Amino acid sequence: LVDDWGYADVSFRNPAILSPNFHMLVETGLLLDRHYVFKYCSPSRASFLTGRWPHHAHQWNPPQTAMVGLNINMTLLPAKLKTAGYKTYMVGKWHEGFFDPAYL
């Protein structure tokens, strides 16, 4: 999953960009090019992680000072992947709940 890139920010859509690793991933993997994302990253990320619409996952882009996050009773995609034998790792930002360690 790659988050927050522009449509033409990769070599397979823009020859002026050099991104050989992403190009190889597209050649050998799966490119989803017909999907819906939200205006902000948090609702889109919540939908991907939970498989639900953001308002069902308690994510609607409230102010950063609000004490909200994903419903911690939901099983997220990384947990499902682990049960299938995959190893998971997170790198980058996390806006799905930051005020309580239970969200991490």
PDB file of N, CA and C in Angstrom:
ATOM      1  N   LEU A   1       0.844  -1.180   0.000  1.00  0.00           N
ATOM      2  CA  LEU A   1       0.000   0.000   0.000  1.00  0.00           C
ATOM      3  C   LEU A   1       0.881   1.233   0.000  1.00  0.00           C
ATOM      4  N   VAL A   2       0.594   2.128  -0.893  1.00  0.00           N
ATOM      5  CA  VAL A   2       1.279   3.413  -0.929  1.00  0.00           C
ATOM      6  C   VAL A   2       0.213   4.479  -0.746  1.00  0.00           C
ATOM      7  N   ASP A   3       0.454   5.381   0.147  1.00  0.00           N
ATOM      8  CA  ASP A   3      -0.529   6.397   0.506  1.00  0.00           C
ATOM      9  C   ASP A   3      -0.008   7.781   0.134  1.00  0.00           C
ATOM     10  N   ASP A   4      -0.898   8.662  -0.241  1.00  0.00           N
ATOM     11  CA  ASP A   4      -0.592  10.080  -0.460  1.00  0.00           C
ATOM     12  C   ASP A   4       0.376  10.346  -1.609  1.00  0.00           C
ATOM     13  N   TRP A   5       0.222   9.672  -2.719  1.00  0.00           N
ATOM     14  CA  TRP A   5       1.000  10.060  -3.878  1.00  0.00           C
ATOM     15  C   TRP A   5       0.062  10.552  -4.961  1.00  0.00           C
ATOM     16  N   GLY A   6       0.564  11.383  -5.823  1.00  0.00           N
ATOM     17  CA  GLY A   6      -0.231  11.892  -6.932  1.00  0.00           C
ATOM     18  C   GLY A   6      -0.300  10.880  -8.058  1.00  0.00           C
ATOM     19  N   TYR A   7      -1.273  11.030  -8.924  1.00  0.00           N
ATOM     20  CA  TYR A   7      -1.492  10.089 -10.020  1.00  0.00           C
ATOM     21  C   TYR A   7      -0.243   9.930 -10.894  1.00  0.00           C
ATOM     22  N   ALA A   8       0.442  11.014 -11.170  1.00  0.00           N
ATOM     23  CA  ALA A   8       1.597  10.968 -12.074  1.00  0.00           C
ATOM     24  C   ALA A   8       2.924  11.064 -11.325  1.00  0.00           C
ATOM     25  N   ASP A   9       2.970  10.647 -10.080  1.00  0.00           N
ATOM     26  CA  ASP A   9       4.198  10.727  -9.284  1.00  0.00           C
ATOM     27  C   ASP A   9       5.056   9.459  -9.360  1.00  0.00           C
ATOM     28  N   VAL A  10       4.813   8.616 -10.351  1.00  0.00           N
ATOM     29  CA  VAL A  10       5.557   7.365 -10.503  1.00  0.00           C
ATOM     30  C   VAL A  10       5.898   7.143 -11.973  1.00  0.00           C
ATOM     31  N   SER A  11       6.956   6.371 -12.209  1.00  0.00           N
ATOM     32  CA  SER A  11       7.467   6.200 -13.572  1.00  0.00           C
ATOM     33  C   SER A  11       6.508   5.491 -14.510  1.00  0.00           C
ATOM     34  N   PHE A  12       5.657   4.604 -14.005  1.00  0.00           N
ATOM     35  CA  PHE A  12       4.760   3.891 -14.916  1.00  0.00           C
ATOM     36  C   PHE A  12       3.628   4.778 -15.424  1.00  0.00           C
ATOM     37  N   ARG A  13       3.508   5.994 -14.887  1.00  0.00           N
ATOM     38  CA  ARG A  13       2.540   6.962 -15.406  1.00  0.00           C
ATOM     39  C   ARG A  13       3.198   8.244 -15.894  1.00  0.00           C
ATOM     40  N   ASN A  14       4.468   8.424 -15.581  1.00  0.00           N
ATOM     41  CA  ASN A  14       5.155   9.661 -15.936  1.00  0.00           C
ATOM     42  C   ASN A  14       6.630   9.341 -16.201  1.00  0.00           C
ATOM     43  N   PRO A  15       7.052   9.331 -17.457  1.00  0.00           N
ATOM     44  CA  PRO A  15       8.443   8.973 -17.758  1.00  0.00           C
ATOM     45  C   PRO A  15       9.472   9.956 -17.199  1.00  0.00           C
ATOM     46  N   ALA A  16       9.057  11.136 -16.757  1.00  0.00           N
ATOM     47  CA  ALA A  16       9.995  12.097 -16.173  1.00  0.00           C
ATOM     48  C   ALA A  16      10.379  11.719 -14.738  1.00  0.00           C
ATOM     49  N   ILE A  17       9.653  10.789 -14.158  1.00  0.00           N
ATOM     50  CA  ILE A  17       9.909  10.343 -12.785  1.00  0.00           C
ATOM     51  C   ILE A  17      10.685   9.028 -12.829  1.00  0.00           C
ATOM     52  N   LEU A  18      11.685   8.890 -11.989  1.00  0.00           N
ATOM     53  CA  LEU A  18      12.446   7.650 -11.893  1.00  0.00           C
ATOM     54  C   LEU A  18      12.009   6.921 -10.617  1.00  0.00           C
ATOM     55  N   SER A  19      11.276   5.835 -10.771  1.00  0.00           N
ATOM     56  CA  SER A  19      10.847   5.033  -9.615  1.00  0.00           C
ATOM     57  C   SER A  19      10.849   3.555 -10.019  1.00  0.00           C
ATOM     58  N   PRO A  20      12.046   2.981 -10.220  1.00  0.00           N
ATOM     59  CA  PRO A  20      12.135   1.605 -10.734  1.00  0.00           C
ATOM     60  C   PRO A  20      11.511   0.558  -9.813  1.00  0.00           C
ATOM     61  N   ASN A  21      11.565   0.752  -8.510  1.00  0.00           N
ATOM     62  CA  ASN A  21      10.987  -0.246  -7.608  1.00  0.00           C
ATOM     63  C   ASN A  21       9.470  -0.266  -7.708  1.00  0.00           C
ATOM     64  N   PHE A  22       8.841   0.899  -7.766  1.00  0.00           N
ATOM     65  CA  PHE A  22       7.388   0.931  -7.945  1.00  0.00           C
ATOM     66  C   PHE A  22       7.004   0.388  -9.311  1.00  0.00           C
ATOM     67  N   HIS A  23       7.807   0.700 -10.325  1.00  0.00           N
ATOM     68  CA  HIS A  23       7.546   0.187 -11.668  1.00  0.00           C
ATOM     69  C   HIS A  23       7.581  -1.345 -11.661  1.00  0.00           C
ATOM     70  N   MET A  24       8.567  -1.921 -10.981  1.00  0.00           N
ATOM     71  CA  MET A  24       8.668  -3.377 -10.892  1.00  0.00           C
ATOM     72  C   MET A  24       7.477  -3.967 -10.140  1.00  0.00           C
ATOM     73  N   LEU A  25       7.041  -3.302  -9.070  1.00  0.00           N
ATOM     74  CA  LEU A  25       5.879  -3.786  -8.326  1.00  0.00           C
ATOM     75  C   LEU A  25       4.623  -3.815  -9.193  1.00  0.00           C
ATOM     76  N   VAL A  26       4.455  -2.796 -10.027  1.00  0.00           N
ATOM     77  CA  VAL A  26       3.298  -2.758 -10.923  1.00  0.00           C
ATOM     78  C   VAL A  26       3.401  -3.865 -11.970  1.00  0.00           C
ATOM     79  N   GLU A  27       4.615  -4.090 -12.469  1.00  0.00           N
ATOM     80  CA  GLU A  27       4.809  -5.134 -13.483  1.00  0.00           C
ATOM     81  C   GLU A  27       4.542  -6.530 -12.929  1.00  0.00           C
ATOM     82  N   THR A  28       4.870  -6.757 -11.664  1.00  0.00           N
ATOM     83  CA  THR A  28       4.771  -8.103 -11.096  1.00  0.00           C
ATOM     84  C   THR A  28       3.651  -8.260 -10.079  1.00  0.00           C
ATOM     85  N   GLY A  29       2.966  -7.169  -9.765  1.00  0.00           N
ATOM     86  CA  GLY A  29       1.940  -7.233  -8.724  1.00  0.00           C
ATOM     87  C   GLY A  29       0.581  -6.780  -9.211  1.00  0.00           C
ATOM     88  N   LEU A  30      -0.097  -6.052  -8.378  1.00  0.00           N
ATOM     89  CA  LEU A  30      -1.460  -5.621  -8.644  1.00  0.00           C
ATOM     90  C   LEU A  30      -1.550  -4.106  -8.514  1.00  0.00           C
ATOM     91  N   LEU A  31      -2.106  -3.466  -9.520  1.00  0.00           N
ATOM     92  CA  LEU A  31      -2.324  -2.022  -9.490  1.00  0.00           C
ATOM     93  C   LEU A  31      -3.824  -1.777  -9.447  1.00  0.00           C
ATOM     94  N   LEU A  32      -4.290  -1.185  -8.389  1.00  0.00           N
ATOM     95  CA  LEU A  32      -5.706  -0.837  -8.270  1.00  0.00           C
ATOM     96  C   LEU A  32      -5.875   0.574  -8.812  1.00  0.00           C
ATOM     97  N   ASP A  33      -6.536   0.710  -9.937  1.00  0.00           N
ATOM     98  CA  ASP A  33      -6.666   2.037 -10.541  1.00  0.00           C
ATOM     99  C   ASP A  33      -8.107   2.512 -10.666  1.00  0.00           C
ATOM    100  N   ARG A  34      -9.038   1.794 -10.086  1.00  0.00           N
ATOM    101  CA  ARG A  34     -10.439   2.218 -10.079  1.00  0.00           C
ATOM    102  C   ARG A  34     -10.979   2.036  -8.661  1.00  0.00           C
ATOM    103  N   HIS A  35     -10.768   3.035  -7.874  1.00  0.00           N
ATOM    104  CA  HIS A  35     -11.191   2.964  -6.488  1.00  0.00           C
ATOM    105  C   HIS A  35     -11.527   4.371  -6.000  1.00  0.00           C
ATOM    106  N   TYR A  36     -12.156   4.435  -4.857  1.00  0.00           N
ATOM    107  CA  TYR A  36     -12.577   5.703  -4.291  1.00  0.00           C
ATOM    108  C   TYR A  36     -11.766   5.984  -3.044  1.00  0.00           C
ATOM    109  N   VAL A  37     -11.234   7.165  -2.950  1.00  0.00           N
ATOM    110  CA  VAL A  37     -10.548   7.582  -1.732  1.00  0.00           C
ATOM    111  C   VAL A  37     -11.177   8.889  -1.258  1.00  0.00           C
ATOM    112  N   PHE A  38     -10.908   9.224  -0.049  1.00  0.00           N
ATOM    113  CA  PHE A  38     -11.472  10.422   0.531  1.00  0.00           C
ATOM    114  C   PHE A  38     -10.509  11.596   0.398  1.00  0.00           C
ATOM    115  N   LYS A  39     -11.020  12.751   0.625  1.00  0.00           N
ATOM    116  CA  LYS A  39     -10.252  13.987   0.470  1.00  0.00           C
ATOM    117  C   LYS A  39      -9.032  14.030   1.393  1.00  0.00           C
ATOM    118  N   TYR A  40      -9.142  13.418   2.541  1.00  0.00           N
ATOM    119  CA  TYR A  40      -8.060  13.397   3.523  1.00  0.00           C
ATOM    120  C   TYR A  40      -7.560  11.976   3.705  1.00  0.00           C
ATOM    121  N   CYS A  41      -6.370  11.821   4.233  1.00  0.00           N
ATOM    122  CA  CYS A  41      -5.765  10.492   4.324  1.00  0.00           C
ATOM    123  C   CYS A  41      -6.386   9.601   5.397  1.00  0.00           C
ATOM    124  N   SER A  42      -6.788  10.146   6.530  1.00  0.00           N
ATOM    125  CA  SER A  42      -7.265   9.304   7.625  1.00  0.00           C
ATOM    126  C   SER A  42      -8.491   8.466   7.268  1.00  0.00           C
ATOM    127  N   PRO A  43      -9.528   9.034   6.654  1.00  0.00           N
ATOM    128  CA  PRO A  43     -10.672   8.191   6.295  1.00  0.00           C
ATOM    129  C   PRO A  43     -10.320   7.109   5.278  1.00  0.00           C
ATOM    130  N   SER A  44      -9.488   7.435   4.311  1.00  0.00           N
ATOM    131  CA  SER A  44      -9.075   6.430   3.322  1.00  0.00           C
ATOM    132  C   SER A  44      -8.293   5.310   3.995  1.00  0.00           C
ATOM    133  N   ARG A  45      -7.386   5.676   4.870  1.00  0.00           N
ATOM    134  CA  ARG A  45      -6.588   4.682   5.584  1.00  0.00           C
ATOM    135  C   ARG A  45      -7.475   3.823   6.480  1.00  0.00           C
ATOM    136  N   ALA A  46      -8.430   4.443   7.153  1.00  0.00           N
ATOM    137  CA  ALA A  46      -9.351   3.686   8.005  1.00  0.00           C
ATOM    138  C   ALA A  46     -10.147   2.679   7.176  1.00  0.00           C
ATOM    139  N   SER A  47     -10.603   3.091   5.995  1.00  0.00           N
ATOM    140  CA  SER A  47     -11.350   2.177   5.130  1.00  0.00           C
ATOM    141  C   SER A  47     -10.490   1.003   4.698  1.00  0.00           C
ATOM    142  N   PHE A  48      -9.252   1.270   4.318  1.00  0.00           N
ATOM    143  CA  PHE A  48      -8.360   0.198   3.891  1.00  0.00           C
ATOM    144  C   PHE A  48      -8.078  -0.775   5.031  1.00  0.00           C
ATOM    145  N   LEU A  49      -7.809  -0.256   6.217  1.00  0.00           N
ATOM    146  CA  LEU A  49      -7.442  -1.108   7.347  1.00  0.00           C
ATOM    147  C   LEU A  49      -8.604  -1.927   7.886  1.00  0.00           C
ATOM    148  N   THR A  50      -9.827  -1.383   7.795  1.00  0.00           N
ATOM    149  CA  THR A  50     -10.981  -2.061   8.387  1.00  0.00           C
ATOM    150  C   THR A  50     -11.882  -2.745   7.365  1.00  0.00           C
ATOM    151  N   GLY A  51     -11.815  -2.314   6.106  1.00  0.00           N
ATOM    152  CA  GLY A  51     -12.746  -2.835   5.107  1.00  0.00           C
ATOM    153  C   GLY A  51     -14.125  -2.224   5.229  1.00  0.00           C
ATOM    154  N   ARG A  52     -14.233  -1.115   5.927  1.00  0.00           N
ATOM    155  CA  ARG A  52     -15.523  -0.456   6.152  1.00  0.00           C
ATOM    156  C   ARG A  52     -15.450   1.010   5.748  1.00  0.00           C
ATOM    157  N   TRP A  53     -16.600   1.608   5.542  1.00  0.00           N
ATOM    158  CA  TRP A  53     -16.652   3.044   5.292  1.00  0.00           C
ATOM    159  C   TRP A  53     -16.125   3.774   6.523  1.00  0.00           C
ATOM    160  N   PRO A  54     -15.474   4.929   6.352  1.00  0.00           N
ATOM    161  CA  PRO A  54     -14.884   5.645   7.491  1.00  0.00           C
ATOM    162  C   PRO A  54     -15.864   5.947   8.621  1.00  0.00           C
ATOM    163  N   HIS A  55     -17.100   6.317   8.295  1.00  0.00           N
ATOM    164  CA  HIS A  55     -18.031   6.641   9.382  1.00  0.00           C
ATOM    165  C   HIS A  55     -18.395   5.395  10.188  1.00  0.00           C
ATOM    166  N   HIS A  56     -18.192   4.197   9.648  1.00  0.00           N
ATOM    167  CA  HIS A  56     -18.402   2.969  10.421  1.00  0.00           C
ATOM    168  C   HIS A  56     -17.171   2.626  11.254  1.00  0.00           C
ATOM    169  N   ALA A  57     -16.048   3.217  10.899  1.00  0.00           N
ATOM    170  CA  ALA A  57     -14.791   2.957  11.601  1.00  0.00           C
ATOM    171  C   ALA A  57     -14.427   4.102  12.547  1.00  0.00           C
ATOM    172  N   HIS A  58     -15.381   4.995  12.810  1.00  0.00           N
ATOM    173  CA  HIS A  58     -15.173   6.134  13.723  1.00  0.00           C
ATOM    174  C   HIS A  58     -14.089   7.071  13.209  1.00  0.00           C
ATOM    175  N   GLN A  59     -14.054   7.291  11.910  1.00  0.00           N
ATOM    176  CA  GLN A  59     -13.017   8.149  11.341  1.00  0.00           C
ATOM    177  C   GLN A  59     -13.644   9.103  10.335  1.00  0.00           C
ATOM    178  N   TRP A  60     -13.639  10.363  10.645  1.00  0.00           N
ATOM    179  CA  TRP A  60     -14.262  11.357   9.763  1.00  0.00           C
ATOM    180  C   TRP A  60     -13.446  12.643   9.710  1.00  0.00           C
ATOM    181  N   ASN A  61     -12.180  12.560  10.022  1.00  0.00           N
ATOM    182  CA  ASN A  61     -11.261  13.703  10.032  1.00  0.00           C
ATOM    183  C   ASN A  61     -11.652  14.801  11.005  1.00  0.00           C
ATOM    184  N   PRO A  62     -11.753  14.468  12.271  1.00  0.00           N
ATOM    185  CA  PRO A  62     -11.976  15.509  13.280  1.00  0.00           C
ATOM    186  C   PRO A  62     -10.697  16.305  13.469  1.00  0.00           C
ATOM    187  N   PRO A  63     -10.744  17.403  14.186  1.00  0.00           N
ATOM    188  CA  PRO A  63      -9.516  18.166  14.449  1.00  0.00           C
ATOM    189  C   PRO A  63      -8.483  17.299  15.166  1.00  0.00           C
ATOM    190  N   GLN A  64      -7.215  17.592  14.952  1.00  0.00           N
ATOM    191  CA  GLN A  64      -6.145  16.806  15.564  1.00  0.00           C
ATOM    192  C   GLN A  64      -6.189  16.815  17.092  1.00  0.00           C
ATOM    193  N   THR A  65      -6.868  17.768  17.668  1.00  0.00           N
ATOM    194  CA  THR A  65      -6.948  17.829  19.127  1.00  0.00           C
ATOM    195  C   THR A  65      -8.057  16.948  19.674  1.00  0.00           C
ATOM    196  N   ALA A  66      -8.913  16.423  18.802  1.00  0.00           N
ATOM    197  CA  ALA A  66     -10.020  15.577  19.259  1.00  0.00           C
ATOM    198  C   ALA A  66      -9.481  14.219  19.709  1.00  0.00           C
ATOM    199  N   MET A  67     -10.108  13.650  20.724  1.00  0.00           N
ATOM    200  CA  MET A  67      -9.684  12.353  21.239  1.00  0.00           C
ATOM    201  C   MET A  67     -10.550  11.264  20.617  1.00  0.00           C
ATOM    202  N   VAL A  68     -10.253  10.937  19.370  1.00  0.00           N
ATOM    203  CA  VAL A  68     -10.990   9.913  18.637  1.00  0.00           C
ATOM    204  C   VAL A  68      -9.997   9.023  17.903  1.00  0.00           C
ATOM    205  N   GLY A  69     -10.461   7.897  17.444  1.00  0.00           N
ATOM    206  CA  GLY A  69      -9.630   6.994  16.668  1.00  0.00           C
ATOM    207  C   GLY A  69     -10.486   5.860  16.151  1.00  0.00           C
ATOM    208  N   LEU A  70      -9.840   4.909  15.496  1.00  0.00           N
ATOM    209  CA  LEU A  70     -10.556   3.735  15.011  1.00  0.00           C
ATOM    210  C   LEU A  70     -11.197   3.002  16.170  1.00  0.00           C
ATOM    211  N   ASN A  71     -12.238   2.285  15.878  1.00  0.00           N
ATOM    212  CA  ASN A  71     -12.851   1.424  16.883  1.00  0.00           C
ATOM    213  C   ASN A  71     -11.861   0.306  17.195  1.00  0.00           C
ATOM    214  N   ILE A  72     -11.310   0.300  18.395  1.00  0.00           N
ATOM    215  CA  ILE A  72     -10.252  -0.668  18.718  1.00  0.00           C
ATOM    216  C   ILE A  72     -10.791  -2.094  18.859  1.00  0.00           C
ATOM    217  N   ASN A  73     -12.090  -2.276  18.774  1.00  0.00           N
ATOM    218  CA  ASN A  73     -12.658  -3.623  18.802  1.00  0.00           C
ATOM    219  C   ASN A  73     -12.678  -4.260  17.415  1.00  0.00           C
ATOM    220  N   MET A  74     -12.347  -3.497  16.379  1.00  0.00           N
ATOM    221  CA  MET A  74     -12.316  -4.035  15.023  1.00  0.00           C
ATOM    222  C   MET A  74     -10.999  -4.757  14.777  1.00  0.00           C
ATOM    223  N   THR A  75     -11.049  -5.814  13.989  1.00  0.00           N
ATOM    224  CA  THR A  75      -9.834  -6.500  13.569  1.00  0.00           C
ATOM    225  C   THR A  75      -9.346  -5.826  12.301  1.00  0.00           C
ATOM    226  N   LEU A  76      -8.124  -5.320  12.342  1.00  0.00           N
ATOM    227  CA  LEU A  76      -7.570  -4.600  11.201  1.00  0.00           C
ATOM    228  C   LEU A  76      -6.842  -5.553  10.252  1.00  0.00           C
ATOM    229  N   LEU A  77      -6.618  -5.089   9.039  1.00  0.00           N
ATOM    230  CA  LEU A  77      -5.972  -5.886   8.002  1.00  0.00           C
ATOM    231  C   LEU A  77      -4.641  -6.503   8.451  1.00  0.00           C
ATOM    232  N   PRO A  78      -3.753  -5.776   9.122  1.00  0.00           N
ATOM    233  CA  PRO A  78      -2.492  -6.417   9.540  1.00  0.00           C
ATOM    234  C   PRO A  78      -2.711  -7.634  10.440  1.00  0.00           C
ATOM    235  N   ALA A  79      -3.687  -7.576  11.324  1.00  0.00           N
ATOM    236  CA  ALA A  79      -3.969  -8.724  12.190  1.00  0.00           C
ATOM    237  C   ALA A  79      -4.466  -9.914  11.369  1.00  0.00           C
ATOM    238  N   LYS A  80      -5.295  -9.650  10.374  1.00  0.00           N
ATOM    239  CA  LYS A  80      -5.776 -10.720   9.487  1.00  0.00           C
ATOM    240  C   LYS A  80      -4.609 -11.322   8.695  1.00  0.00           C
ATOM    241  N   LEU A  81      -3.723 -10.457   8.207  1.00  0.00           N
ATOM    242  CA  LEU A  81      -2.571 -10.950   7.454  1.00  0.00           C
ATOM    243  C   LEU A  81      -1.662 -11.803   8.331  1.00  0.00           C
ATOM    244  N   LYS A  82      -1.493 -11.416   9.596  1.00  0.00           N
ATOM    245  CA  LYS A  82      -0.660 -12.205  10.516  1.00  0.00           C
ATOM    246  C   LYS A  82      -1.232 -13.607  10.702  1.00  0.00           C
ATOM    247  N   THR A  83      -2.561 -13.721  10.805  1.00  0.00           N
ATOM    248  CA  THR A  83      -3.162 -15.047  10.977  1.00  0.00           C
ATOM    249  C   THR A  83      -2.979 -15.908   9.730  1.00  0.00           C
ATOM    250  N   ALA A  84      -2.716 -15.275   8.589  1.00  0.00           N
ATOM    251  CA  ALA A  84      -2.464 -16.010   7.351  1.00  0.00           C
ATOM    252  C   ALA A  84      -0.977 -16.290   7.153  1.00  0.00           C
ATOM    253  N   GLY A  85      -0.150 -15.943   8.148  1.00  0.00           N
ATOM    254  CA  GLY A  85       1.262 -16.245   8.084  1.00  0.00           C
ATOM    255  C   GLY A  85       2.163 -15.121   7.594  1.00  0.00           C
ATOM    256  N   TYR A  86       1.597 -13.957   7.310  1.00  0.00           N
ATOM    257  CA  TYR A  86       2.412 -12.829   6.855  1.00  0.00           C
ATOM    258  C   TYR A  86       3.052 -12.118   8.039  1.00  0.00           C
ATOM    259  N   LYS A  87       4.173 -11.469   7.792  1.00  0.00           N
ATOM    260  CA  LYS A  87       4.785 -10.581   8.769  1.00  0.00           C
ATOM    261  C   LYS A  87       4.350  -9.165   8.407  1.00  0.00           C
ATOM    262  N   THR A  88       4.057  -8.361   9.394  1.00  0.00           N
ATOM    263  CA  THR A  88       3.612  -6.995   9.125  1.00  0.00           C
ATOM    264  C   THR A  88       4.535  -6.008   9.816  1.00  0.00           C
ATOM    265  N   TYR A  89       4.548  -4.790   9.275  1.00  0.00           N
ATOM    266  CA  TYR A  89       5.383  -3.725   9.817  1.00  0.00           C
ATOM    267  C   TYR A  89       4.782  -2.402   9.381  1.00  0.00           C
ATOM    268  N   MET A  90       4.803  -1.429  10.250  1.00  0.00           N
ATOM    269  CA  MET A  90       4.244  -0.127   9.907  1.00  0.00           C
ATOM    270  C   MET A  90       5.357   0.919   9.873  1.00  0.00           C
ATOM    271  N   VAL A  91       5.353   1.712   8.835  1.00  0.00           N
ATOM    272  CA  VAL A  91       6.279   2.827   8.704  1.00  0.00           C
ATOM    273  C   VAL A  91       5.460   4.031   8.293  1.00  0.00           C
ATOM    274  N   GLY A  92       5.714   5.164   8.902  1.00  0.00           N
ATOM    275  CA  GLY A  92       5.042   6.388   8.474  1.00  0.00           C
ATOM    276  C   GLY A  92       4.084   6.926   9.508  1.00  0.00           C
ATOM    277  N   LYS A  93       3.176   7.731   9.030  1.00  0.00           N
ATOM    278  CA  LYS A  93       2.262   8.416   9.945  1.00  0.00           C
ATOM    279  C   LYS A  93       1.096   7.522  10.344  1.00  0.00           C
ATOM    280  N   TRP A  94       0.509   7.861  11.462  1.00  0.00           N
ATOM    281  CA  TRP A  94      -0.622   7.095  11.995  1.00  0.00           C
ATOM    282  C   TRP A  94      -1.625   8.090  12.547  1.00  0.00           C
ATOM    283  N   HIS A  95      -2.703   8.304  11.833  1.00  0.00           N
ATOM    284  CA  HIS A  95      -3.737   9.231  12.285  1.00  0.00           C
ATOM    285  C   HIS A  95      -5.028   8.490  12.592  1.00  0.00           C
ATOM    286  N   GLU A  96      -4.912   7.302  13.147  1.00  0.00           N
ATOM    287  CA  GLU A  96      -6.104   6.517  13.451  1.00  0.00           C
ATOM    288  C   GLU A  96      -6.327   6.409  14.966  1.00  0.00           C
ATOM    289  N   GLY A  97      -5.792   7.329  15.686  1.00  0.00           N
ATOM    290  CA  GLY A  97      -5.902   7.372  17.141  1.00  0.00           C
ATOM    291  C   GLY A  97      -4.509   7.553  17.720  1.00  0.00           C
ATOM    292  N   PHE A  98      -4.299   8.644  18.434  1.00  0.00           N
ATOM    293  CA  PHE A  98      -2.948   8.925  18.918  1.00  0.00           C
ATOM    294  C   PHE A  98      -2.910   9.295  20.391  1.00  0.00           C
ATOM    295  N   PHE A  99      -4.055   9.392  21.015  1.00  0.00           N
ATOM    296  CA  PHE A  99      -4.089   9.891  22.389  1.00  0.00           C
ATOM    297  C   PHE A  99      -3.991   8.789  23.424  1.00  0.00           C
ATOM    298  N   ASP A 100      -4.019   7.537  23.002  1.00  0.00           N
ATOM    299  CA  ASP A 100      -4.001   6.419  23.928  1.00  0.00           C
ATOM    300  C   ASP A 100      -3.164   5.297  23.305  1.00  0.00           C
ATOM    301  N   PRO A 101      -2.255   4.685  24.059  1.00  0.00           N
ATOM    302  CA  PRO A 101      -1.424   3.615  23.502  1.00  0.00           C
ATOM    303  C   PRO A 101      -2.227   2.427  22.948  1.00  0.00           C
ATOM    304  N   ALA A 102      -3.463   2.247  23.353  1.00  0.00           N
ATOM    305  CA  ALA A 102      -4.279   1.154  22.832  1.00  0.00           C
ATOM    306  C   ALA A 102      -4.503   1.269  21.331  1.00  0.00           C
ATOM    307  N   TYR A 103      -4.379   2.470  20.779  1.00  0.00           N
ATOM    308  CA  TYR A 103      -4.581   2.668  19.342  1.00  0.00           C
ATOM    309  C   TYR A 103      -3.347   2.312  18.523  1.00  0.00           C
ATOM    310  N   LEU A 104      -2.246   2.074  19.168  1.00  0.00           N
ATOM    311  CA  LEU A 104      -1.008   1.793  18.435  1.00  0.00           C
ATOM    312  C   LEU A 104      -0.865   0.347  18.248  1.00  0.00           C
TER     313      LEU A 104
END
